[in-house]
N, C-alpha and C. Protein backbone atom coordinates (compact mmCIF):
# COMPACT_ATOMS: atom_id res chain seq x y z
N MET A 1 0.80 -1.22 0.06
CA MET A 1 -0.01 0.12 0.11
C MET A 1 0.83 1.26 -0.04
N ASN A 2 0.33 1.83 -0.71
CA ASN A 2 1.15 3.49 -0.82
C ASN A 2 0.96 4.21 0.03
N THR A 3 1.73 4.58 1.15
CA THR A 3 1.22 5.47 2.71
C THR A 3 1.29 7.09 2.32
N THR A 4 2.00 7.46 0.98
CA THR A 4 2.15 8.23 0.73
C THR A 4 0.83 9.07 0.13
N LYS A 5 -0.11 8.55 0.01
CA LYS A 5 -1.34 9.16 -0.66
C LYS A 5 -2.28 9.75 0.20
N ASP A 6 -2.81 10.74 -0.26
CA ASP A 6 -3.44 11.59 0.72
C ASP A 6 -4.76 10.97 0.84
N TYR A 7 -5.38 10.32 1.50
CA TYR A 7 -6.73 9.91 1.40
C TYR A 7 -7.67 10.51 2.57
N LEU A 8 -8.99 10.72 1.80
CA LEU A 8 -10.18 11.38 2.90
C LEU A 8 -10.04 10.68 4.28
N PRO A 9 -10.50 10.89 5.33
CA PRO A 9 -10.73 10.32 6.42
C PRO A 9 -11.65 9.19 6.27
N ASP A 10 -11.64 7.95 6.83
CA ASP A 10 -12.51 7.12 6.97
C ASP A 10 -13.78 7.22 7.56
N THR A 11 -14.07 8.50 8.19
CA THR A 11 -15.56 8.65 8.59
C THR A 11 -16.14 9.48 7.41
N ASP A 12 -15.83 9.89 6.41
CA ASP A 12 -16.34 10.56 5.31
C ASP A 12 -17.41 9.44 4.57
N PRO A 13 -18.75 10.29 4.47
CA PRO A 13 -19.62 9.59 4.10
C PRO A 13 -19.48 8.62 2.81
N LEU A 14 -18.50 9.11 1.81
CA LEU A 14 -18.39 8.76 0.52
C LEU A 14 -17.85 7.03 0.67
N TYR A 15 -17.29 6.45 1.74
CA TYR A 15 -16.76 5.49 2.54
C TYR A 15 -18.21 4.55 2.42
N ASP A 16 -18.96 4.98 3.10
CA ASP A 16 -19.93 3.96 3.12
C ASP A 16 -20.60 3.69 1.82
N LYS A 17 -20.70 4.71 0.76
CA LYS A 17 -21.04 4.50 -0.54
C LYS A 17 -20.53 3.64 -1.54
N VAL A 18 -19.04 3.70 -1.45
CA VAL A 18 -18.35 3.04 -1.90
C VAL A 18 -18.36 1.30 -1.67
N ILE A 19 -18.22 1.19 -0.08
CA ILE A 19 -18.25 -0.22 0.34
C ILE A 19 -19.66 -0.73 0.03
N LYS A 20 -20.94 0.01 -0.16
CA LYS A 20 -22.11 -0.41 -0.73
C LYS A 20 -22.13 -0.96 -2.42
N ALA A 21 -21.41 -0.05 -3.19
CA ALA A 21 -21.08 -0.32 -4.57
C ALA A 21 -20.24 -1.57 -4.46
N LEU A 22 -19.26 -1.69 -3.67
CA LEU A 22 -18.59 -2.87 -3.81
C LEU A 22 -19.17 -4.38 -3.74
N GLU A 23 -19.88 -4.09 -2.38
CA GLU A 23 -20.60 -5.47 -1.71
C GLU A 23 -21.55 -5.58 -3.08
N GLU A 24 -22.15 -4.80 -4.28
CA GLU A 24 -23.09 -5.36 -5.36
C GLU A 24 -22.05 -6.34 -6.47
N VAL A 25 -20.82 -6.15 -6.30
CA VAL A 25 -20.05 -6.74 -7.31
C VAL A 25 -19.30 -7.92 -6.87
N ARG A 26 -19.02 -7.73 -5.33
CA ARG A 26 -18.41 -8.55 -4.63
C ARG A 26 -18.94 -10.44 -4.71
N PRO A 27 -20.04 -10.40 -5.08
CA PRO A 27 -20.44 -11.83 -5.35
C PRO A 27 -19.77 -12.36 -6.34
N TYR A 28 -19.89 -11.61 -7.65
CA TYR A 28 -19.32 -12.10 -8.89
C TYR A 28 -17.64 -12.14 -8.84
N LEU A 29 -17.46 -11.33 -7.98
CA LEU A 29 -15.61 -11.75 -7.88
C LEU A 29 -15.58 -12.98 -7.16
N GLN A 30 -16.21 -13.19 -5.99
CA GLN A 30 -16.01 -14.29 -5.32
C GLN A 30 -16.61 -15.46 -5.99
N ALA A 31 -17.50 -15.56 -6.78
CA ALA A 31 -17.84 -16.81 -7.48
C ALA A 31 -16.86 -17.57 -8.29
N ASP A 32 -15.49 -16.36 -8.71
CA ASP A 32 -14.54 -17.18 -9.51
C ASP A 32 -13.45 -16.93 -8.51
N GLY A 33 -13.47 -17.04 -7.29
CA GLY A 33 -12.58 -16.98 -6.60
C GLY A 33 -11.73 -16.04 -6.03
N GLY A 34 -12.25 -14.63 -6.21
CA GLY A 34 -11.46 -13.52 -5.65
C GLY A 34 -12.47 -12.57 -4.96
N ASP A 35 -11.98 -11.68 -4.75
CA ASP A 35 -12.53 -10.56 -3.86
C ASP A 35 -11.86 -9.22 -4.42
N CYS A 36 -12.18 -8.05 -3.07
CA CYS A 36 -11.73 -6.75 -3.60
C CYS A 36 -11.62 -6.24 -2.29
N GLN A 37 -10.95 -5.51 -1.46
CA GLN A 37 -10.99 -4.63 -0.59
C GLN A 37 -10.69 -3.17 -0.72
N LEU A 38 -11.47 -2.32 -0.23
CA LEU A 38 -11.40 -0.88 -0.23
C LEU A 38 -10.09 -0.65 0.47
N VAL A 39 -9.08 -0.11 -0.19
CA VAL A 39 -8.19 0.63 0.54
C VAL A 39 -8.05 2.26 0.96
N GLY A 40 -8.61 3.01 -0.05
CA GLY A 40 -8.83 4.13 0.63
C GLY A 40 -9.63 5.08 -0.53
N ILE A 41 -10.23 6.32 -0.43
CA ILE A 41 -10.47 7.20 -1.42
C ILE A 41 -9.47 8.36 -1.42
N THR A 42 -8.83 8.99 -2.75
CA THR A 42 -8.26 10.18 -2.26
C THR A 42 -9.08 11.65 -2.46
N LYS A 43 -8.39 12.24 -2.06
CA LYS A 43 -8.69 13.74 -2.02
C LYS A 43 -9.42 14.11 -3.52
N ASP A 44 -8.63 13.67 -4.67
CA ASP A 44 -9.27 14.19 -6.05
C ASP A 44 -10.45 12.73 -6.50
N MET A 45 -10.82 12.33 -5.66
CA MET A 45 -11.86 10.97 -6.05
C MET A 45 -11.30 9.97 -7.00
N VAL A 46 -10.44 9.43 -6.34
CA VAL A 46 -10.00 8.50 -7.27
C VAL A 46 -10.09 7.09 -5.75
N VAL A 47 -10.58 6.23 -6.13
CA VAL A 47 -10.96 4.97 -5.25
C VAL A 47 -9.91 3.69 -5.53
N ASP A 48 -9.11 3.41 -4.54
CA ASP A 48 -7.79 2.59 -4.35
C ASP A 48 -8.63 1.05 -3.84
N VAL A 49 -8.24 0.26 -4.60
CA VAL A 49 -8.62 -1.20 -3.98
C VAL A 49 -7.51 -2.37 -3.74
N LYS A 50 -7.83 -3.26 -3.60
CA LYS A 50 -6.92 -4.15 -3.54
C LYS A 50 -7.55 -5.38 -3.82
N LEU A 51 -7.34 -6.18 -5.48
CA LEU A 51 -7.66 -7.28 -5.60
C LEU A 51 -7.21 -8.44 -4.98
N LEU A 52 -7.62 -9.36 -4.43
CA LEU A 52 -7.61 -10.49 -3.60
C LEU A 52 -8.05 -11.68 -4.17
N GLY A 53 -7.22 -12.85 -3.77
CA GLY A 53 -7.39 -14.46 -3.96
C GLY A 53 -7.33 -14.15 -5.61
N ALA A 54 -7.87 -14.94 -6.34
CA ALA A 54 -7.58 -15.23 -8.00
C ALA A 54 -7.63 -13.73 -8.76
N CYS A 55 -8.32 -12.77 -7.95
CA CYS A 55 -8.32 -11.28 -9.04
C CYS A 55 -7.24 -10.96 -9.11
N GLY A 56 -6.50 -11.46 -7.80
CA GLY A 56 -4.86 -10.53 -7.67
C GLY A 56 -4.03 -10.97 -8.97
N SER A 57 -3.81 -12.24 -9.25
CA SER A 57 -3.27 -12.89 -10.12
C SER A 57 -3.71 -13.11 -11.66
N CYS A 58 -4.94 -12.90 -11.83
CA CYS A 58 -5.72 -13.22 -13.37
C CYS A 58 -5.49 -11.74 -14.06
N PRO A 59 -5.09 -12.55 -15.36
CA PRO A 59 -4.64 -11.89 -16.64
C PRO A 59 -5.58 -10.87 -16.85
N MET A 60 -7.15 -11.17 -16.63
CA MET A 60 -8.37 -10.38 -16.68
C MET A 60 -8.54 -9.45 -15.95
N SER A 61 -7.63 -9.21 -14.94
CA SER A 61 -7.66 -8.58 -13.89
C SER A 61 -7.97 -7.17 -14.03
N THR A 62 -7.28 -6.55 -14.82
CA THR A 62 -7.69 -4.86 -15.42
C THR A 62 -9.13 -5.01 -15.88
N LEU A 63 -9.68 -5.93 -16.91
CA LEU A 63 -10.88 -5.82 -17.63
C LEU A 63 -12.05 -5.67 -16.21
N THR A 64 -11.72 -6.75 -15.16
CA THR A 64 -12.41 -6.98 -14.28
C THR A 64 -12.71 -5.71 -13.25
N LEU A 65 -11.66 -4.72 -13.17
CA LEU A 65 -11.35 -3.74 -12.40
C LEU A 65 -12.17 -2.56 -13.15
N ARG A 66 -12.01 -2.41 -14.64
CA ARG A 66 -12.61 -1.31 -15.36
C ARG A 66 -14.19 -1.75 -15.50
N ALA A 67 -14.46 -2.63 -16.02
CA ALA A 67 -15.53 -3.40 -16.65
C ALA A 67 -16.68 -3.36 -15.16
N GLY A 68 -16.41 -4.19 -14.32
CA GLY A 68 -17.08 -4.49 -13.10
C GLY A 68 -17.00 -3.39 -12.17
N VAL A 69 -15.72 -3.67 -11.58
CA VAL A 69 -15.53 -2.90 -10.17
C VAL A 69 -15.95 -1.20 -10.39
N GLU A 70 -15.08 -0.65 -11.47
CA GLU A 70 -15.17 0.78 -11.34
C GLU A 70 -16.33 1.37 -11.79
N GLN A 71 -17.19 0.30 -13.09
CA GLN A 71 -18.48 0.84 -13.41
C GLN A 71 -19.18 0.74 -12.21
N ALA A 72 -19.46 -0.23 -11.52
CA ALA A 72 -20.56 -0.45 -10.43
C ALA A 72 -20.27 0.90 -9.49
N VAL A 73 -18.96 1.29 -9.16
CA VAL A 73 -18.73 2.40 -8.04
C VAL A 73 -18.95 3.68 -8.43
N ARG A 74 -18.78 3.78 -9.91
CA ARG A 74 -18.67 5.26 -10.54
C ARG A 74 -20.14 5.27 -11.17
N LYS A 75 -21.34 4.10 -11.12
CA LYS A 75 -22.64 4.35 -11.63
C LYS A 75 -23.49 4.75 -9.88
N ALA A 76 -23.03 4.17 -8.64
CA ALA A 76 -23.55 4.40 -7.71
C ALA A 76 -23.05 6.03 -7.20
N ILE A 77 -21.55 6.09 -7.68
CA ILE A 77 -21.07 7.65 -6.81
C ILE A 77 -20.71 8.38 -8.04
N PRO A 78 -21.04 9.18 -8.79
CA PRO A 78 -20.86 9.47 -10.21
C PRO A 78 -19.45 10.71 -10.15
N GLU A 79 -19.60 11.25 -8.47
CA GLU A 79 -18.31 12.05 -8.58
C GLU A 79 -17.01 11.45 -8.48
N ILE A 80 -16.72 9.88 -8.27
CA ILE A 80 -15.97 9.11 -8.30
C ILE A 80 -15.25 9.51 -9.63
N ALA A 81 -13.69 9.55 -9.85
CA ALA A 81 -12.92 9.88 -11.06
C ALA A 81 -12.64 8.55 -11.59
N ARG A 82 -12.10 7.55 -10.93
CA ARG A 82 -11.82 6.23 -11.28
C ARG A 82 -11.86 5.43 -10.22
N VAL A 83 -11.41 4.12 -10.69
CA VAL A 83 -10.81 3.02 -9.68
C VAL A 83 -9.27 2.55 -9.62
N GLU A 84 -8.72 2.48 -8.96
CA GLU A 84 -6.98 1.90 -9.14
C GLU A 84 -7.23 0.35 -8.35
N SER A 85 -6.25 -0.50 -8.77
CA SER A 85 -5.85 -1.68 -8.33
C SER A 85 -4.32 -0.90 -7.25
N VAL A 86 -4.30 -1.37 -6.25
CA VAL A 86 -3.16 -0.95 -5.31
C VAL A 86 -2.34 -2.49 -5.19
C-alpha cells in the first residue's frame, strides 16, 4: 500500500457509499475465487482497491477492475473519477 497518498478520512460518508457499491460486485468476484478490498479514497476522488484471491493474479483483472468494479462504483457515486488497483 502506498502510504504517501492523501486519503479522505475513513469517517467521510463516501466510504459507506463505495463499500455499498463494492458489495454489489463482490458476489461475482467471489464466484470466481476472488474478492476486493477498499484501501482508500483520495482527495481527487480516486478509489484505491486491492484485488484479492484469484483476482489478484488473473490476467483479466484489469478488465474486471474497469468493466466491473469501476463501473459499479461510478454508477453509484458519479463524483468518483476512477478506481485503481494498488
